[in-house]
C-alpha atoms as a PDB file:
ATOM      1  CA  MET A   1      -0.133   0.018   0.090  1.00  0.00           C
ATOM      2  CA  PRO A   2       1.413   3.437  -0.942  1.00  0.00           C
ATOM      3  CA  LYS A   3       2.225   5.982   1.866  1.00  0.00           C
ATOM      4  CA  ILE A   4      -0.724   8.323   2.191  1.00  0.00           C
ATOM      5  CA  LEU A   5       0.228  11.818   3.422  1.00  0.00           C
ATOM      6  CA  PHE A   6      -3.355  13.352   3.443  1.00  0.00           C
ATOM      7  CA  GLU A   7      -6.810  12.400   2.761  1.00  0.00           C
ATOM      8  CA  ASP A   8     -10.212  13.764   2.699  1.00  0.00           C
ATOM      9  CA  LYS A   9     -13.529  13.476   0.856  1.00  0.00           C
ATOM     10  CA  PHE A  10     -12.110  15.061  -2.020  1.00  0.00           C
ATOM     11  CA  ILE A  11      -8.340  14.129  -2.642  1.00  0.00           C
ATOM     12  CA  ILE A  12      -5.709  11.750  -1.701  1.00  0.00           C
ATOM     13  CA  VAL A  13      -1.968  12.996  -1.572  1.00  0.00           C
ATOM     14  CA  CYS A  14       0.341  10.127  -1.592  1.00  0.00           C
ATOM     15  CA  VAL A  15       4.047   9.104  -2.334  1.00  0.00           C
ATOM     16  CA  LYS A  16       4.326   7.212  -5.678  1.00  0.00           C
ATOM     17  CA  PRO A  17       7.450   4.757  -5.426  1.00  0.00           C
ATOM     18  CA  CYS A  18       9.974   4.392  -8.315  1.00  0.00           C
ATOM     19  CA  GLY A  19       8.825   1.819 -10.911  1.00  0.00           C
ATOM     20  CA  VAL A  20       5.205   2.307 -10.468  1.00  0.00           C
ATOM     21  CA  SER A  21       3.115   4.040 -13.025  1.00  0.00           C
ATOM     22  CA  SER A  22       1.233   7.101 -12.391  1.00  0.00           C
ATOM     23  CA  GLU A  23      -1.474   6.188 -14.821  1.00  0.00           C
ATOM     24  CA  VAL A  24      -3.594   3.212 -15.250  1.00  0.00           C
ATOM     25  CA  THR A  25      -1.719   0.161 -16.908  1.00  0.00           C
ATOM     26  CA  SER A  26      -2.946  -3.344 -17.981  1.00  0.00           C
ATOM     27  CA  SER A  27      -0.666  -4.949 -15.430  1.00  0.00           C
ATOM     28  CA  GLY A  28      -2.231  -3.207 -12.573  1.00  0.00           C
ATOM     29  CA  ASN A  29       1.218  -1.900 -11.362  1.00  0.00           C
ATOM     30  CA  ASP A  30      -0.007   1.656 -11.069  1.00  0.00           C
ATOM     31  CA  MET A  31      -1.146   4.295  -8.416  1.00  0.00           C
ATOM     32  CA  PRO A  32      -4.829   4.475  -9.399  1.00  0.00           C
ATOM     33  CA  THR A  33      -5.251   0.842  -9.169  1.00  0.00           C
ATOM     34  CA  LEU A  34      -3.440   0.664  -5.876  1.00  0.00           C
ATOM     35  CA  LEU A  35      -5.559   3.680  -4.675  1.00  0.00           C
ATOM     36  CA  SER A  36      -8.732   2.109  -6.022  1.00  0.00           C
ATOM     37  CA  ASP A  37      -7.966  -1.151  -4.199  1.00  0.00           C
ATOM     38  CA  TYR A  38      -7.319   0.669  -1.092  1.00  0.00           C
ATOM     39  CA  ARG A  39     -10.652   2.454  -1.190  1.00  0.00           C
ATOM     40  CA  ALA A  40     -12.556  -0.641  -2.013  1.00  0.00           C
ATOM     41  CA  ASP A  41     -11.040  -2.556   0.840  1.00  0.00           C
ATOM     42  CA  ARG A  42     -12.591   0.147   3.056  1.00  0.00           C
ATOM     43  CA  GLY A  43     -15.928  -0.242   1.600  1.00  0.00           C
ATOM     44  CA  GLU A  44     -15.766   3.183  -0.395  1.00  0.00           C
ATOM     45  CA  ASP A  45     -16.478   4.038  -4.031  1.00  0.00           C
ATOM     46  CA  ASP A  46     -13.208   3.117  -5.844  1.00  0.00           C
ATOM     47  CA  TYR A  47     -13.221   6.165  -8.197  1.00  0.00           C
ATOM     48  CA  ILE A  48      -9.740   7.610  -8.636  1.00  0.00           C
ATOM     49  CA  GLY A  49      -9.060  10.568 -10.813  1.00  0.00           C
ATOM     50  CA  VAL A  50      -5.628  11.202 -12.539  1.00  0.00           C
ATOM     51  CA  VAL A  51      -4.617  14.998 -12.353  1.00  0.00           C
ATOM     52  CA  HIS A  52      -1.000  14.960 -13.160  1.00  0.00           C
ATOM     53  CA  ARG A  53       1.700  12.432 -14.219  1.00  0.00           C
ATOM     54  CA  LEU A  54       5.083  11.357 -13.018  1.00  0.00           C
ATOM     55  CA  ASP A  55       7.694   9.367 -14.917  1.00  0.00           C
ATOM     56  CA  MET A  56       7.332   5.728 -14.112  1.00  0.00           C
ATOM     57  CA  ALA A  57      11.144   5.626 -12.986  1.00  0.00           C
ATOM     58  CA  VAL A  58      10.459   8.635 -10.837  1.00  0.00           C
ATOM     59  CA  GLY A  59       9.174   8.866  -7.288  1.00  0.00           C
ATOM     60  CA  GLY A  60       7.661  11.344  -4.936  1.00  0.00           C
ATOM     61  CA  ILE A  61       4.507  13.178  -4.213  1.00  0.00           C
ATOM     62  CA  MET A  62       1.388  13.040  -6.233  1.00  0.00           C
ATOM     63  CA  VAL A  63      -2.338  14.141  -5.762  1.00  0.00           C
ATOM     64  CA  TYR A  64      -5.226  12.188  -6.952  1.00  0.00           C
ATOM     65  CA  THR A  65      -8.960  12.908  -6.698  1.00  0.00           C
ATOM     66  CA  LYS A  66     -11.796  10.834  -5.176  1.00  0.00           C
ATOM     67  CA  ARG A  67     -14.603  12.626  -7.151  1.00  0.00           C
ATOM     68  CA  ASN A  68     -15.136  13.621 -10.843  1.00  0.00           C
ATOM     69  CA  ASP A  69     -15.914  17.228 -10.022  1.00  0.00           C
ATOM     70  CA  THR A  70     -12.704  17.806  -8.018  1.00  0.00           C
ATOM     71  CA  ALA A  71     -10.792  16.033 -10.825  1.00  0.00           C
ATOM     72  CA  ALA A  72     -12.115  18.745 -13.401  1.00  0.00           C
ATOM     73  CA  ALA A  73     -11.143  21.434 -10.806  1.00  0.00           C
ATOM     74  CA  LEU A  74      -7.599  20.204 -10.131  1.00  0.00           C
ATOM     75  CA  SER A  75      -6.920  19.535 -13.984  1.00  0.00           C
ATOM     76  CA  LYS A  76      -7.856  22.878 -14.779  1.00  0.00           C
ATOM     77  CA  GLN A  77      -5.384  24.458 -12.121  1.00  0.00           C
ATOM     78  CA  MET A  78      -2.623  22.257 -13.666  1.00  0.00           C
ATOM     79  CA  ALA A  79      -3.545  23.374 -17.171  1.00  0.00           C
ATOM     80  CA  ASP A  80      -3.511  26.955 -15.941  1.00  0.00           C
ATOM     81  CA  GLY A  81       0.023  26.571 -14.362  1.00  0.00           C
ATOM     82  CA  GLU A  82      -1.415  27.157 -11.034  1.00  0.00           C
ATOM     83  CA  PHE A  83       0.358  24.010  -9.310  1.00  0.00           C
ATOM     84  CA  GLY A  84       3.600  24.741  -7.516  1.00  0.00           C
ATOM     85  CA  LYS A  85       5.892  21.805  -8.046  1.00  0.00           C
ATOM     86  CA  GLU A  86       9.308  21.334  -6.530  1.00  0.00           C
ATOM     87  CA  TYR A  87      11.740  18.498  -7.300  1.00  0.00           C
ATOM     88  CA  LEU A  88      15.051  17.319  -6.067  1.00  0.00           C
ATOM     89  CA  ALA A  89      17.588  15.981  -8.515  1.00  0.00           C
ATOM     90  CA  ILE A  90      21.195  14.874  -8.546  1.00  0.00           C
ATOM     91  CA  ALA A  91      23.116  15.876 -11.785  1.00  0.00           C
ATOM     92  CA  GLU A  92      26.479  14.381 -12.928  1.00  0.00           C
ATOM     93  CA  GLY A  93      28.711  17.496 -13.007  1.00  0.00           C
ATOM     94  CA  HIS A  94      29.116  20.934 -11.608  1.00  0.00           C
ATOM     95  CA  THR A  95      25.849  22.996 -11.802  1.00  0.00           C
ATOM     96  CA  ASP A  96      25.813  26.783 -11.336  1.00  0.00           C
ATOM     97  CA  ASP A  97      24.748  27.889  -7.964  1.00  0.00           C
ATOM     98  CA  GLU A  98      21.375  28.997  -9.563  1.00  0.00           C
ATOM     99  CA  GLY A  99      20.005  29.229 -12.947  1.00  0.00           C
ATOM    100  CA  LYS A 100      16.926  29.132 -15.427  1.00  0.00           C
ATOM    101  CA  MET A 101      16.465  26.736 -18.323  1.00  0.00           C
ATOM    102  CA  VAL A 102      14.280  27.469 -21.156  1.00  0.00           C
ATOM    103  CA  ASP A 103      14.066  25.278 -24.236  1.00  0.00           C
ATOM    104  CA  LEU A 104      11.961  24.051 -27.027  1.00  0.00           C
ATOM    105  CA  LEU A 105      11.047  20.457 -26.521  1.00  0.00           C
ATOM    106  CA  PHE A 106       9.903  17.712 -28.862  1.00  0.00           C
ATOM    107  CA  HIS A 107       8.496  14.288 -27.420  1.00  0.00           C
ATOM    108  CA  ASP A 108       8.902  11.345 -29.909  1.00  0.00           C
ATOM    109  CA  LYS A 109       5.972   9.015 -28.724  1.00  0.00           C
ATOM    110  CA  SER A 110       7.459   6.142 -30.672  1.00  0.00           C
ATOM    111  CA  LYS A 111      10.786   6.184 -28.710  1.00  0.00           C
ATOM    112  CA  ASN A 112       9.211   7.638 -25.640  1.00  0.00           C
ATOM    113  CA  LYS A 113      12.229  10.280 -25.625  1.00  0.00           C
ATOM    114  CA  THR A 114      12.118  14.008 -25.590  1.00  0.00           C
ATOM    115  CA  TYR A 115      14.615  16.190 -27.430  1.00  0.00           C
ATOM    116  CA  VAL A 116      15.738  19.717 -27.260  1.00  0.00           C
ATOM    117  CA  VAL A 117      15.182  21.427 -30.572  1.00  0.00           C
ATOM    118  CA  ASP A 118      15.998  24.625 -32.194  1.00  0.00           C
ATOM    119  CA  ARG A 119      12.781  25.788 -33.834  1.00  0.00           C
ATOM    120  CA  GLU A 120       9.034  25.793 -33.493  1.00  0.00           C
ATOM    121  CA  ARG A 121       7.011  23.202 -35.396  1.00  0.00           C
ATOM    122  CA  LYS A 122       4.148  20.848 -34.850  1.00  0.00           C
ATOM    123  CA  GLY A 123       4.579  19.113 -31.502  1.00  0.00           C
ATOM    124  CA  VAL A 124       7.246  21.394 -30.291  1.00  0.00           C
ATOM    125  CA  HIS A 125       6.461  23.107 -26.823  1.00  0.00           C
ATOM    126  CA  SER A 126       8.281  25.662 -24.739  1.00  0.00           C
ATOM    127  CA  ALA A 127       9.740  24.347 -21.438  1.00  0.00           C
ATOM    128  CA  SER A 128      11.145  26.290 -18.452  1.00  0.00           C
ATOM    129  CA  LEU A 129      12.481  25.608 -14.967  1.00  0.00           C
ATOM    130  CA  GLU A 130      14.443  27.322 -12.341  1.00  0.00           C
ATOM    131  CA  TYR A 131      17.021  25.559 -10.063  1.00  0.00           C
ATOM    132  CA  SER A 132      19.382  26.276  -7.246  1.00  0.00           C
ATOM    133  CA  THR A 133      22.242  24.153  -6.025  1.00  0.00           C
ATOM    134  CA  LEU A 134      21.981  22.842  -2.588  1.00  0.00           C
ATOM    135  CA  ALA A 135      25.180  20.832  -2.285  1.00  0.00           C
ATOM    136  CA  ARG A 136      28.021  19.290  -4.276  1.00  0.00           C
ATOM    137  CA  THR A 137      30.077  16.194  -3.683  1.00  0.00           C
ATOM    138  CA  GLN A 138      32.822  14.016  -5.159  1.00  0.00           C
ATOM    139  CA  ARG A 139      32.678  10.334  -5.590  1.00  0.00           C
ATOM    140  CA  ASP A 140      35.323   8.047  -7.435  1.00  0.00           C
ATOM    141  CA  GLY A 141      36.608  11.184  -9.209  1.00  0.00           C
ATOM    142  CA  LYS A 142      33.483  12.429 -10.350  1.00  0.00           C
ATOM    143  CA  GLU A 143      31.419  15.531  -9.095  1.00  0.00           C
ATOM    144  CA  TYR A 144      27.651  15.415  -8.275  1.00  0.00           C
ATOM    145  CA  SER A 145      25.405  18.269  -7.682  1.00  0.00           C
ATOM    146  CA  LEU A 146      22.164  18.246  -5.561  1.00  0.00           C
ATOM    147  CA  VAL A 147      19.775  20.705  -6.950  1.00  0.00           C
ATOM    148  CA  LYS A 148      16.243  21.908  -6.079  1.00  0.00           C
ATOM    149  CA  ILE A 149      13.997  22.573  -9.026  1.00  0.00           C
ATOM    150  CA  LYS A 150      10.908  24.654  -9.454  1.00  0.00           C
ATOM    151  CA  LEU A 151       9.125  23.362 -12.595  1.00  0.00           C
ATOM    152  CA  LEU A 152       7.458  26.233 -14.474  1.00  0.00           C
ATOM    153  CA  THR A 153       5.973  23.926 -17.125  1.00  0.00           C
ATOM    154  CA  GLY A 154       5.196  20.192 -17.192  1.00  0.00           C
ATOM    155  CA  LYS A 155       6.441  18.564 -20.347  1.00  0.00           C
ATOM    156  CA  THR A 156       7.575  14.841 -20.766  1.00  0.00           C
ATOM    157  CA  HIS A 157      10.861  14.028 -19.244  1.00  0.00           C
ATOM    158  CA  GLN A 158      11.343  17.923 -19.111  1.00  0.00           C
ATOM    159  CA  ILE A 159      13.818  17.939 -16.290  1.00  0.00           C
ATOM    160  CA  ARG A 160      15.823  15.035 -17.491  1.00  0.00           C
ATOM    161  CA  VAL A 161      16.285  16.288 -20.883  1.00  0.00           C
ATOM    162  CA  GLN A 162      16.966  19.854 -20.134  1.00  0.00           C
ATOM    163  CA  PHE A 163      19.831  19.004 -17.551  1.00  0.00           C
ATOM    164  CA  ALA A 164      21.073  16.489 -19.963  1.00  0.00           C
ATOM    165  CA  SER A 165      21.160  18.867 -22.893  1.00  0.00           C
ATOM    166  CA  ARG A 166      23.614  20.991 -20.797  1.00  0.00           C
ATOM    167  CA  LYS A 167      25.893  17.878 -20.310  1.00  0.00           C
ATOM    168  CA  LEU A 168      24.605  17.507 -16.763  1.00  0.00           C
ATOM    169  CA  PRO A 169      22.499  14.206 -16.878  1.00  0.00           C
ATOM    170  CA  LEU A 170      20.777  12.997 -13.854  1.00  0.00           C
ATOM    171  CA  LEU A 171      22.413  10.254 -11.998  1.00  0.00           C
ATOM    172  CA  GLY A 172      20.956   6.915 -12.987  1.00  0.00           C
ATOM    173  CA  ASP A 173      19.256   8.190 -16.068  1.00  0.00           C
ATOM    174  CA  GLY A 174      20.879   6.098 -18.819  1.00  0.00           C
ATOM    175  CA  LYS A 175      18.349   6.980 -21.212  1.00  0.00           C
ATOM    176  CA  TYR A 176      19.506  10.562 -21.260  1.00  0.00           C
ATOM    177  CA  GLY A 177      23.228   9.840 -21.082  1.00  0.00           C
ATOM    178  CA  ALA A 178      24.192   9.475 -17.435  1.00  0.00           C
ATOM    179  CA  SER A 179      27.516   7.558 -17.022  1.00  0.00           C
ATOM    180  CA  ASN A 180      26.158   5.923 -13.987  1.00  0.00           C
ATOM    181  CA  SER A 181      22.956   4.149 -14.582  1.00  0.00           C
ATOM    182  CA  ASN A 182      23.261   1.522 -11.730  1.00  0.00           C
ATOM    183  CA  CYS A 183      20.625   3.073  -9.404  1.00  0.00           C
ATOM    184  CA  PRO A 184      17.274   4.564  -9.663  1.00  0.00           C
ATOM    185  CA  ILE A 185      17.128   8.088 -11.461  1.00  0.00           C
ATOM    186  CA  ALA A 186      17.962  10.793  -9.049  1.00  0.00           C
ATOM    187  CA  LEU A 187      14.869  12.759  -9.535  1.00  0.00           C
ATOM    188  CA  TRP A 188      12.230  13.129  -6.776  1.00  0.00           C
ATOM    189  CA  SER A 189       8.942  15.032  -6.645  1.00  0.00           C
ATOM    190  CA  ARG A 190       9.461  16.854  -3.438  1.00  0.00           C
ATOM    191  CA  SER A 191       6.727  19.270  -2.848  1.00  0.00           C
ATOM    192  CA  LEU A 192       3.225  20.061  -4.325  1.00  0.00           C
ATOM    193  CA  SER A 193       1.115  23.330  -3.820  1.00  0.00           C
ATOM    194  CA  PHE A 194      -2.466  23.902  -5.116  1.00  0.00           C
ATOM    195  CA  LYS A 195      -5.926  25.235  -4.175  1.00  0.00           C
ATOM    196  CA  HIS A 196      -7.987  22.740  -2.526  1.00  0.00           C
ATOM    197  CA  PRO A 197     -10.985  22.036  -4.662  1.00  0.00           C
ATOM    198  CA  LYS A 198     -13.348  22.400  -1.844  1.00  0.00           C
ATOM    199  CA  HIS A 199     -12.328  25.418   0.200  1.00  0.00           C
ATOM    200  CA  GLN A 200      -9.929  26.986  -2.388  1.00  0.00           C
ATOM    201  CA  LYS A 201      -7.273  27.600   0.131  1.00  0.00           C
ATOM    202  CA  THR A 202      -3.824  26.859  -0.970  1.00  0.00           C
ATOM    203  CA  VAL A 203      -2.435  23.658   0.683  1.00  0.00           C
ATOM    204  CA  THR A 204       1.209  22.401   0.427  1.00  0.00           C
ATOM    205  CA  PHE A 205       2.586  18.871   0.987  1.00  0.00           C
ATOM    206  CA  SER A 206       6.202  17.753   1.019  1.00  0.00           C
ATOM    207  CA  GLN A 207       8.196  14.498   1.340  1.00  0.00           C
ATOM    208  CA  GLU A 208      11.846  14.020   1.206  1.00  0.00           C
ATOM    209  CA  PRO A 209      13.387  11.083  -0.373  1.00  0.00           C
ATOM    210  CA  ASP A 210      14.964   8.100   1.354  1.00  0.00           C
ATOM    211  CA  GLY A 211      18.299   9.567   2.308  1.00  0.00           C
ATOM    212  CA  LEU A 212      19.769   6.158   3.378  1.00  0.00           C
ATOM    213  CA  SER A 213      19.242   4.575  -0.133  1.00  0.00           C
ATOM    214  CA  MET A 214      21.001   5.370  -3.323  1.00  0.00           C
ATOM    215  CA  PRO A 215      21.237   7.737  -4.959  1.00  0.00           C
ATOM    216  CA  TRP A 216      20.105  10.221  -2.059  1.00  0.00           C
ATOM    217  CA  CYS A 217      22.711   8.645   0.391  1.00  0.00           C
ATOM    218  CA  LEU A 218      25.415  10.523  -1.580  1.00  0.00           C
ATOM    219  CA  PHE A 219      24.566  13.708   0.316  1.00  0.00           C
ATOM    220  CA  LYS A 220      24.212  12.264   3.854  1.00  0.00           C
END
């Protein structure tokens, strides 16, 4: 059963483990199925609405809805860019103390891979994020940077490809050029802020990654 951080009649805020899909899959290895089963076991309606997505290989905080009307309200907030999303990541290399990345991205669905491109065309979207470096460390002659990221847009594989395009691939992310892919991808959904669909007050939830396990133990 996934870790539940908050629950009321309208929403469930939980921690998605790495390797579990954020959307429904035929295998059932997904958060909506796990949360539906959790609700059914308690004799409740098993409806779970998907509001946003997180790469299967990435873990961290997500919010799901328990009612169709709240799903629409939260989805609108997401589409309007009103969700506050903060991530932690470990990049291979030396990042600036702080910075902003703005790129044009194209996602190739057949390869499930995103590319930075140099001109607008069909299927190309602008993507931006801001980051600050929290710490740096050396391991086996290689430097790693722990960064806090504020996501300004939400495109597929956005953080992973934007850092990789600057020769700063995320530790563990072999798909985008990491030299070390023998651990989970070092990307974590750390915090979510949004207006509660019932009372419209801003709520914020946060969860740190497991600092005892790779890759996060590098900074303990």
